[in-house]
Amino acid sequence: MFFYKSIYALQLQCNFEEVYQDGQIQNGIMLLGSDQVRYQYHDVKLFTLIYHNNKILYSVSNQNPSELSQINHNKDIFQTILDLKDKNNILPQTLHLDGMQVDIEKNQSDSFVKRLAIRSKQLNMSIFFINCVEKKIDKKFFYVNPFYKFNQNDL
């Protein structure tokens, strides 16, 4: 038991809130595995994004999980989110990814960062990470085929 944290990769569950320049707000839940991210919007009309460290990003419709597509842009932001999970990674406060400027605001009292501010010609938004907790996450929630629905009560 003494070596538990060093043997198993840190896994996190966070709520997120996206705030856009026009005042629009989207909420959801994010799961971080050892090399995967599940970014799921609560709105059934939206989607769930699943990123694998092998640089593949999938979008799955929340209304119809059989609607699966691969996304070829904005993958670097998900790799950055994975990198932020590792407390040993020292990342600068500002990154430049895929034509975006990403400012990282750290949170001293939580297991993860407080906010990512993303700015580009097409997008100006902040993602707030709320109530991040370390949890053991079943690998099935990172699958796209078959796709498993996730509710916060599942962990």
N, C-alpha and C. Protein backbone atom coordinates (compact mmCIF):
# COMPACT_ATOMS: atom_id res chain seq x y z
N MET A 1 0.80 -1.20 0.00
CA MET A 1 0.00 0.00 0.00
C MET A 1 0.84 1.27 0.00
N PHE A 2 2.02 1.22 0.55
CA PHE A 2 2.87 2.40 0.63
C PHE A 2 3.17 2.98 -0.74
N PHE A 3 3.27 2.13 -1.76
CA PHE A 3 3.65 2.59 -3.10
C PHE A 3 2.46 2.83 -4.01
N TYR A 4 1.27 2.85 -3.49
CA TYR A 4 0.07 2.98 -4.31
C TYR A 4 0.14 4.16 -5.26
N LYS A 5 0.46 5.35 -4.79
CA LYS A 5 0.44 6.55 -5.65
C LYS A 5 1.50 6.49 -6.72
N SER A 6 2.63 5.89 -6.44
CA SER A 6 3.68 5.87 -7.45
C SER A 6 3.46 4.78 -8.50
N ILE A 7 2.72 3.74 -8.16
CA ILE A 7 2.47 2.66 -9.11
C ILE A 7 1.33 3.04 -10.06
N TYR A 8 0.27 3.62 -9.53
CA TYR A 8 -0.90 3.95 -10.33
C TYR A 8 -0.89 5.43 -10.69
N ALA A 9 -1.22 5.68 -11.94
CA ALA A 9 -1.26 7.08 -12.40
C ALA A 9 -2.42 7.81 -11.73
N LEU A 10 -2.23 9.09 -11.51
CA LEU A 10 -3.26 9.93 -10.94
C LEU A 10 -4.44 10.01 -11.90
N GLN A 11 -5.64 9.77 -11.38
CA GLN A 11 -6.86 9.90 -12.16
C GLN A 11 -7.73 10.94 -11.46
N LEU A 12 -8.33 11.82 -12.25
CA LEU A 12 -9.12 12.91 -11.69
C LEU A 12 -10.51 12.97 -12.30
N GLN A 13 -11.44 13.43 -11.48
CA GLN A 13 -12.78 13.79 -11.95
C GLN A 13 -12.98 15.25 -11.58
N CYS A 14 -13.37 16.07 -12.56
CA CYS A 14 -13.62 17.50 -12.33
C CYS A 14 -14.93 17.89 -13.01
N ASN A 15 -15.63 18.81 -12.41
CA ASN A 15 -16.69 19.51 -13.13
C ASN A 15 -16.02 20.64 -13.89
N PHE A 16 -16.59 21.04 -15.00
CA PHE A 16 -16.05 22.19 -15.71
C PHE A 16 -17.16 23.15 -16.08
N GLU A 17 -16.77 24.40 -16.23
CA GLU A 17 -17.68 25.44 -16.70
C GLU A 17 -16.94 26.25 -17.75
N GLU A 18 -17.48 26.27 -18.95
CA GLU A 18 -16.92 27.07 -20.02
C GLU A 18 -17.67 28.39 -20.07
N VAL A 19 -16.93 29.48 -20.07
CA VAL A 19 -17.54 30.81 -20.15
C VAL A 19 -16.99 31.47 -21.42
N TYR A 20 -17.90 31.84 -22.31
CA TYR A 20 -17.52 32.44 -23.58
C TYR A 20 -17.63 33.95 -23.51
N GLN A 21 -16.96 34.62 -24.42
CA GLN A 21 -16.93 36.08 -24.46
C GLN A 21 -18.33 36.68 -24.56
N ASP A 22 -19.24 36.00 -25.25
CA ASP A 22 -20.60 36.53 -25.41
C ASP A 22 -21.50 36.23 -24.21
N GLY A 23 -20.95 35.62 -23.16
CA GLY A 23 -21.70 35.33 -21.95
C GLY A 23 -22.31 33.94 -21.91
N GLN A 24 -22.24 33.21 -23.00
CA GLN A 24 -22.75 31.84 -23.03
C GLN A 24 -21.94 30.97 -22.06
N ILE A 25 -22.63 30.03 -21.41
CA ILE A 25 -21.98 29.13 -20.45
C ILE A 25 -22.38 27.70 -20.77
N GLN A 26 -21.39 26.80 -20.74
CA GLN A 26 -21.63 25.36 -20.90
C GLN A 26 -20.99 24.66 -19.71
N ASN A 27 -21.66 23.64 -19.20
CA ASN A 27 -21.16 22.88 -18.06
C ASN A 27 -21.02 21.41 -18.42
N GLY A 28 -20.15 20.74 -17.67
CA GLY A 28 -20.00 19.32 -17.88
C GLY A 28 -19.08 18.70 -16.86
N ILE A 29 -18.63 17.51 -17.19
CA ILE A 29 -17.72 16.77 -16.33
C ILE A 29 -16.54 16.28 -17.15
N MET A 30 -15.39 16.27 -16.52
CA MET A 30 -14.17 15.81 -17.18
C MET A 30 -13.56 14.70 -16.36
N LEU A 31 -13.17 13.64 -17.04
CA LEU A 31 -12.45 12.54 -16.42
C LEU A 31 -11.06 12.49 -17.03
N LEU A 32 -10.05 12.38 -16.18
CA LEU A 32 -8.67 12.27 -16.65
C LEU A 32 -8.12 10.92 -16.23
N GLY A 33 -7.77 10.12 -17.21
CA GLY A 33 -7.13 8.84 -16.93
C GLY A 33 -5.63 9.01 -17.07
N SER A 34 -4.93 7.91 -17.15
CA SER A 34 -3.47 7.98 -17.25
C SER A 34 -3.03 8.63 -18.55
N ASP A 35 -3.73 8.36 -19.64
CA ASP A 35 -3.37 8.98 -20.92
C ASP A 35 -4.61 9.27 -21.76
N GLN A 36 -5.73 9.53 -21.08
CA GLN A 36 -6.98 9.79 -21.78
C GLN A 36 -7.76 10.89 -21.07
N VAL A 37 -8.59 11.57 -21.86
CA VAL A 37 -9.48 12.60 -21.32
C VAL A 37 -10.89 12.32 -21.84
N ARG A 38 -11.86 12.41 -20.94
CA ARG A 38 -13.27 12.39 -21.33
C ARG A 38 -13.83 13.74 -20.91
N TYR A 39 -14.34 14.50 -21.87
CA TYR A 39 -14.83 15.86 -21.66
C TYR A 39 -16.28 15.84 -22.10
N GLN A 40 -17.20 15.72 -21.15
CA GLN A 40 -18.60 15.46 -21.45
C GLN A 40 -19.48 16.64 -21.04
N TYR A 41 -20.16 17.21 -22.01
CA TYR A 41 -21.10 18.29 -21.73
C TYR A 41 -22.37 17.71 -21.12
N HIS A 42 -22.97 18.44 -20.17
CA HIS A 42 -24.23 18.00 -19.56
C HIS A 42 -25.39 18.14 -20.54
N ASP A 43 -25.35 19.11 -21.41
CA ASP A 43 -26.44 19.36 -22.37
C ASP A 43 -26.54 18.17 -23.33
N VAL A 44 -27.71 17.54 -23.35
CA VAL A 44 -27.92 16.38 -24.20
C VAL A 44 -27.80 16.72 -25.68
N LYS A 45 -27.98 17.99 -26.04
CA LYS A 45 -27.87 18.41 -27.45
C LYS A 45 -26.41 18.55 -27.89
N LEU A 46 -25.50 18.47 -26.95
CA LEU A 46 -24.08 18.62 -27.28
C LEU A 46 -23.43 17.24 -27.40
N PHE A 47 -22.21 17.10 -26.96
CA PHE A 47 -21.44 15.90 -27.25
C PHE A 47 -20.46 15.60 -26.12
N THR A 48 -19.79 14.49 -26.26
CA THR A 48 -18.71 14.08 -25.38
C THR A 48 -17.46 13.95 -26.23
N LEU A 49 -16.37 14.54 -25.76
CA LEU A 49 -15.09 14.42 -26.45
C LEU A 49 -14.23 13.42 -25.69
N ILE A 50 -13.61 12.52 -26.41
CA ILE A 50 -12.70 11.54 -25.80
C ILE A 50 -11.38 11.62 -26.54
N TYR A 51 -10.34 11.90 -25.76
CA TYR A 51 -8.99 12.05 -26.32
C TYR A 51 -8.10 10.92 -25.80
N HIS A 52 -7.37 10.32 -26.71
CA HIS A 52 -6.39 9.31 -26.36
C HIS A 52 -5.00 9.86 -26.61
N ASN A 53 -4.08 9.54 -25.75
CA ASN A 53 -2.72 10.08 -25.82
C ASN A 53 -2.05 9.79 -27.15
N ASN A 54 -2.59 8.87 -27.89
CA ASN A 54 -2.03 8.60 -29.21
C ASN A 54 -2.49 9.64 -30.22
N LYS A 55 -3.00 10.78 -29.69
CA LYS A 55 -3.34 11.96 -30.48
C LYS A 55 -4.63 11.83 -31.28
N ILE A 56 -5.52 10.95 -30.86
CA ILE A 56 -6.81 10.81 -31.53
C ILE A 56 -7.88 11.44 -30.66
N LEU A 57 -8.69 12.31 -31.25
CA LEU A 57 -9.79 12.98 -30.55
C LEU A 57 -11.10 12.59 -31.23
N TYR A 58 -12.02 12.07 -30.42
CA TYR A 58 -13.32 11.64 -30.92
C TYR A 58 -14.41 12.53 -30.35
N SER A 59 -15.47 12.69 -31.13
CA SER A 59 -16.68 13.37 -30.68
C SER A 59 -17.82 12.37 -30.79
N VAL A 60 -18.56 12.24 -29.67
CA VAL A 60 -19.70 11.32 -29.62
C VAL A 60 -20.93 12.15 -29.23
N SER A 61 -21.98 12.06 -30.01
CA SER A 61 -23.22 12.79 -29.74
C SER A 61 -23.82 12.31 -28.43
N ASN A 62 -24.21 13.25 -27.55
CA ASN A 62 -24.88 12.87 -26.31
C ASN A 62 -26.29 12.33 -26.58
N GLN A 63 -26.95 12.79 -27.64
CA GLN A 63 -28.29 12.31 -27.99
C GLN A 63 -28.26 10.94 -28.64
N ASN A 64 -27.26 10.74 -29.51
CA ASN A 64 -27.17 9.50 -30.26
C ASN A 64 -25.72 9.01 -30.25
N PRO A 65 -25.35 8.20 -29.26
CA PRO A 65 -23.95 7.77 -29.13
C PRO A 65 -23.40 7.00 -30.33
N SER A 66 -24.26 6.56 -31.23
CA SER A 66 -23.74 5.90 -32.43
C SER A 66 -23.15 6.91 -33.42
N GLU A 67 -23.42 8.20 -33.20
CA GLU A 67 -22.82 9.26 -34.04
C GLU A 67 -21.44 9.57 -33.49
N LEU A 68 -20.45 8.99 -34.13
CA LEU A 68 -19.06 9.10 -33.72
C LEU A 68 -18.26 9.71 -34.85
N SER A 69 -17.43 10.70 -34.52
CA SER A 69 -16.56 11.27 -35.55
C SER A 69 -15.19 11.57 -34.94
N GLN A 70 -14.21 11.56 -35.81
CA GLN A 70 -12.86 11.90 -35.39
C GLN A 70 -12.61 13.37 -35.69
N ILE A 71 -12.00 14.08 -34.74
CA ILE A 71 -11.74 15.51 -34.89
C ILE A 71 -10.24 15.70 -35.10
N ASN A 72 -9.90 16.55 -36.06
CA ASN A 72 -8.49 16.74 -36.39
C ASN A 72 -7.93 18.08 -35.96
N HIS A 73 -8.66 18.85 -35.17
CA HIS A 73 -8.15 20.13 -34.70
C HIS A 73 -8.34 20.23 -33.19
N ASN A 74 -7.62 21.13 -32.57
CA ASN A 74 -7.69 21.39 -31.11
C ASN A 74 -7.29 20.20 -30.26
N LYS A 75 -6.53 19.26 -30.82
CA LYS A 75 -6.08 18.12 -30.04
C LYS A 75 -5.02 18.51 -29.01
N ASP A 76 -4.22 19.54 -29.34
CA ASP A 76 -3.14 19.94 -28.44
C ASP A 76 -3.65 20.40 -27.08
N ILE A 77 -4.84 20.98 -27.03
CA ILE A 77 -5.37 21.45 -25.75
C ILE A 77 -5.64 20.26 -24.82
N PHE A 78 -6.05 19.13 -25.39
CA PHE A 78 -6.30 17.95 -24.56
C PHE A 78 -5.00 17.31 -24.08
N GLN A 79 -3.97 17.35 -24.91
CA GLN A 79 -2.66 16.86 -24.45
C GLN A 79 -2.15 17.76 -23.33
N THR A 80 -2.39 19.06 -23.44
CA THR A 80 -1.98 19.99 -22.38
C THR A 80 -2.73 19.68 -21.09
N ILE A 81 -4.02 19.37 -21.18
CA ILE A 81 -4.79 19.01 -19.99
C ILE A 81 -4.20 17.77 -19.33
N LEU A 82 -3.81 16.79 -20.14
CA LEU A 82 -3.15 15.61 -19.57
C LEU A 82 -1.83 15.99 -18.90
N ASP A 83 -1.07 16.85 -19.54
CA ASP A 83 0.22 17.28 -18.97
C ASP A 83 0.03 18.02 -17.66
N LEU A 84 -1.04 18.80 -17.54
CA LEU A 84 -1.31 19.56 -16.32
C LEU A 84 -1.64 18.65 -15.14
N LYS A 85 -2.16 17.47 -15.43
CA LYS A 85 -2.52 16.52 -14.38
C LYS A 85 -1.29 16.03 -13.63
N ASP A 86 -0.18 15.95 -14.32
CA ASP A 86 1.06 15.49 -13.70
C ASP A 86 1.71 16.65 -12.96
N LYS A 87 1.68 16.60 -11.66
CA LYS A 87 2.21 17.70 -10.85
C LYS A 87 3.71 17.89 -11.03
N ASN A 88 4.39 16.87 -11.57
CA ASN A 88 5.83 16.99 -11.79
C ASN A 88 6.16 17.77 -13.06
N ASN A 89 5.18 17.92 -13.95
CA ASN A 89 5.39 18.71 -15.16
C ASN A 89 5.38 20.20 -14.80
N ILE A 90 6.39 20.88 -15.20
CA ILE A 90 6.45 22.32 -14.98
C ILE A 90 6.15 22.98 -16.32
N LEU A 91 4.96 23.53 -16.42
CA LEU A 91 4.53 24.17 -17.66
C LEU A 91 4.53 25.67 -17.47
N PRO A 92 4.80 26.41 -18.54
CA PRO A 92 4.75 27.87 -18.42
C PRO A 92 3.33 28.34 -18.16
N GLN A 93 3.20 29.57 -17.72
CA GLN A 93 1.86 30.13 -17.46
C GLN A 93 1.10 30.41 -18.75
N THR A 94 1.82 30.55 -19.85
CA THR A 94 1.20 30.80 -21.15
C THR A 94 1.78 29.84 -22.18
N LEU A 95 0.88 29.20 -22.94
CA LEU A 95 1.28 28.29 -24.02
C LEU A 95 0.67 28.80 -25.32
N HIS A 96 1.30 28.44 -26.42
CA HIS A 96 0.76 28.74 -27.75
C HIS A 96 0.54 27.41 -28.47
N LEU A 97 -0.74 27.09 -28.74
CA LEU A 97 -1.12 25.81 -29.32
C LEU A 97 -2.10 26.02 -30.46
N ASP A 98 -1.84 25.42 -31.60
CA ASP A 98 -2.79 25.46 -32.72
C ASP A 98 -3.33 26.85 -32.99
N GLY A 99 -2.49 27.88 -32.93
CA GLY A 99 -2.94 29.25 -33.17
C GLY A 99 -3.70 29.86 -32.01
N MET A 100 -3.66 29.22 -30.85
CA MET A 100 -4.35 29.74 -29.66
C MET A 100 -3.33 30.11 -28.60
N GLN A 101 -3.65 31.12 -27.83
CA GLN A 101 -2.88 31.43 -26.63
C GLN A 101 -3.66 30.84 -25.45
N VAL A 102 -2.99 30.03 -24.64
CA VAL A 102 -3.63 29.39 -23.50
C VAL A 102 -2.92 29.84 -22.24
N ASP A 103 -3.64 30.57 -21.39
CA ASP A 103 -3.11 31.01 -20.10
C ASP A 103 -3.58 30.04 -19.03
N ILE A 104 -2.65 29.62 -18.18
CA ILE A 104 -2.94 28.63 -17.14
C ILE A 104 -2.95 29.32 -15.78
N GLU A 105 -4.08 29.21 -15.09
CA GLU A 105 -4.19 29.77 -13.74
C GLU A 105 -4.21 28.60 -12.77
N LYS A 106 -3.21 28.54 -11.93
CA LYS A 106 -3.07 27.41 -11.01
C LYS A 106 -3.94 27.58 -9.79
N ASN A 107 -4.26 26.46 -9.18
CA ASN A 107 -5.08 26.42 -7.98
C ASN A 107 -4.25 25.77 -6.88
N GLN A 108 -3.97 26.48 -5.83
CA GLN A 108 -3.11 25.97 -4.76
C GLN A 108 -3.78 24.90 -3.92
N SER A 109 -5.10 24.93 -3.80
CA SER A 109 -5.78 24.03 -2.88
C SER A 109 -6.45 22.83 -3.55
N ASP A 110 -6.31 22.70 -4.85
CA ASP A 110 -7.00 21.63 -5.54
C ASP A 110 -5.99 20.72 -6.24
N SER A 111 -6.47 19.61 -6.74
CA SER A 111 -5.61 18.64 -7.42
C SER A 111 -5.31 19.02 -8.86
N PHE A 112 -5.90 20.10 -9.34
CA PHE A 112 -5.76 20.44 -10.75
C PHE A 112 -5.74 21.95 -10.88
N VAL A 113 -5.60 22.44 -12.09
CA VAL A 113 -5.57 23.89 -12.30
C VAL A 113 -6.96 24.48 -12.09
N LYS A 114 -7.00 25.78 -11.85
CA LYS A 114 -8.26 26.47 -11.61
C LYS A 114 -8.94 26.86 -12.93
N ARG A 115 -8.12 27.36 -13.90
CA ARG A 115 -8.71 27.91 -15.12
C ARG A 115 -7.74 27.86 -16.27
N LEU A 116 -8.28 27.63 -17.45
CA LEU A 116 -7.56 27.81 -18.70
C LEU A 116 -8.26 28.93 -19.45
N ALA A 117 -7.53 29.97 -19.81
CA ALA A 117 -8.08 31.04 -20.65
C ALA A 117 -7.55 30.82 -22.06
N ILE A 118 -8.46 30.68 -23.01
CA ILE A 118 -8.10 30.35 -24.39
C ILE A 118 -8.48 31.52 -25.28
N ARG A 119 -7.49 32.00 -26.04
CA ARG A 119 -7.73 33.13 -26.94
C ARG A 119 -7.17 32.81 -28.32
N SER A 120 -7.98 33.09 -29.31
CA SER A 120 -7.53 32.98 -30.70
C SER A 120 -8.41 33.91 -31.53
N LYS A 121 -8.19 33.92 -32.84
CA LYS A 121 -9.02 34.75 -33.71
C LYS A 121 -10.47 34.27 -33.72
N GLN A 122 -10.68 32.95 -33.54
CA GLN A 122 -12.02 32.39 -33.59
C GLN A 122 -12.67 32.21 -32.23
N LEU A 123 -11.89 32.24 -31.16
CA LEU A 123 -12.41 31.84 -29.86
C LEU A 123 -11.81 32.65 -28.72
N ASN A 124 -12.65 33.03 -27.78
CA ASN A 124 -12.20 33.70 -26.57
C ASN A 124 -13.05 33.15 -25.44
N MET A 125 -12.45 32.29 -24.61
CA MET A 125 -13.22 31.61 -23.57
C MET A 125 -12.34 31.25 -22.39
N SER A 126 -12.98 30.92 -21.29
CA SER A 126 -12.30 30.39 -20.12
C SER A 126 -12.96 29.07 -19.75
N ILE A 127 -12.13 28.13 -19.32
CA ILE A 127 -12.63 26.87 -18.77
C ILE A 127 -12.23 26.84 -17.31
N PHE A 128 -13.23 26.78 -16.45
CA PHE A 128 -13.00 26.68 -15.01
C PHE A 128 -13.15 25.22 -14.60
N PHE A 129 -12.20 24.72 -13.83
CA PHE A 129 -12.25 23.36 -13.33
C PHE A 129 -12.63 23.42 -11.86
N ILE A 130 -13.71 22.72 -11.51
CA ILE A 130 -14.34 22.84 -10.20
C ILE A 130 -14.43 21.47 -9.53
N ASN A 131 -14.18 21.44 -8.23
CA ASN A 131 -14.34 20.22 -7.43
C ASN A 131 -13.59 19.03 -8.00
N CYS A 132 -12.33 19.23 -8.32
CA CYS A 132 -11.51 18.14 -8.84
C CYS A 132 -11.12 17.20 -7.69
N VAL A 133 -11.35 15.92 -7.91
CA VAL A 133 -11.02 14.92 -6.90
C VAL A 133 -10.34 13.73 -7.56
N GLU A 134 -9.42 13.14 -6.83
CA GLU A 134 -8.77 11.93 -7.31
C GLU A 134 -9.74 10.77 -7.15
N LYS A 135 -9.91 10.00 -8.21
CA LYS A 135 -10.82 8.85 -8.19
C LYS A 135 -10.27 7.77 -9.09
N LYS A 136 -10.59 6.55 -8.78
CA LYS A 136 -10.29 5.44 -9.67
C LYS A 136 -11.38 5.44 -10.73
N ILE A 137 -10.99 5.50 -11.99
CA ILE A 137 -11.95 5.61 -13.10
C ILE A 137 -11.87 4.36 -13.96
N ASP A 138 -13.00 3.74 -14.18
CA ASP A 138 -13.07 2.55 -15.01
C ASP A 138 -12.68 2.92 -16.44
N LYS A 139 -11.81 2.12 -17.04
CA LYS A 139 -11.34 2.40 -18.41
C LYS A 139 -12.46 2.44 -19.43
N LYS A 140 -13.57 1.78 -19.15
CA LYS A 140 -14.66 1.75 -20.13
C LYS A 140 -15.20 3.14 -20.45
N PHE A 141 -15.04 4.09 -19.52
CA PHE A 141 -15.55 5.43 -19.78
C PHE A 141 -14.69 6.22 -20.77
N PHE A 142 -13.58 5.63 -21.19
CA PHE A 142 -12.74 6.25 -22.22
C PHE A 142 -12.89 5.54 -23.57
N TYR A 143 -13.76 4.55 -23.64
CA TYR A 143 -14.02 3.83 -24.89
C TYR A 143 -14.97 4.66 -25.75
N VAL A 144 -14.78 4.53 -27.05
CA VAL A 144 -15.73 5.15 -27.98
C VAL A 144 -16.58 4.10 -28.69
N ASN A 145 -16.09 2.87 -28.74
CA ASN A 145 -16.84 1.79 -29.36
C ASN A 145 -16.54 0.49 -28.64
N PRO A 146 -17.38 0.05 -27.73
CA PRO A 146 -18.68 0.63 -27.39
C PRO A 146 -18.53 1.88 -26.53
N PHE A 147 -19.49 2.76 -26.63
CA PHE A 147 -19.51 4.00 -25.84
C PHE A 147 -20.38 3.77 -24.61
N TYR A 148 -19.85 4.13 -23.45
CA TYR A 148 -20.59 3.97 -22.19
C TYR A 148 -21.01 5.35 -21.68
N LYS A 149 -22.29 5.48 -21.40
CA LYS A 149 -22.76 6.74 -20.82
C LYS A 149 -22.21 6.85 -19.41
N PHE A 150 -21.96 8.10 -18.98
CA PHE A 150 -21.39 8.33 -17.67
C PHE A 150 -22.26 9.31 -16.90
N ASN A 151 -22.53 8.98 -15.66
CA ASN A 151 -23.19 9.88 -14.71
C ASN A 151 -22.27 10.00 -13.50
N GLN A 152 -22.34 11.12 -12.82
CA GLN A 152 -21.45 11.33 -11.68
C GLN A 152 -21.60 10.26 -10.61
N ASN A 153 -22.71 9.59 -10.56
CA ASN A 153 -22.93 8.54 -9.56
C ASN A 153 -22.22 7.25 -9.94
N ASP A 154 -21.63 7.18 -11.15
CA ASP A 154 -20.98 5.95 -11.61
C ASP A 154 -19.67 5.68 -10.89
N LEU A 155 -19.07 6.69 -10.26
CA LEU A 155 -17.78 6.47 -9.58
C LEU A 155 -17.98 6.44 -8.08
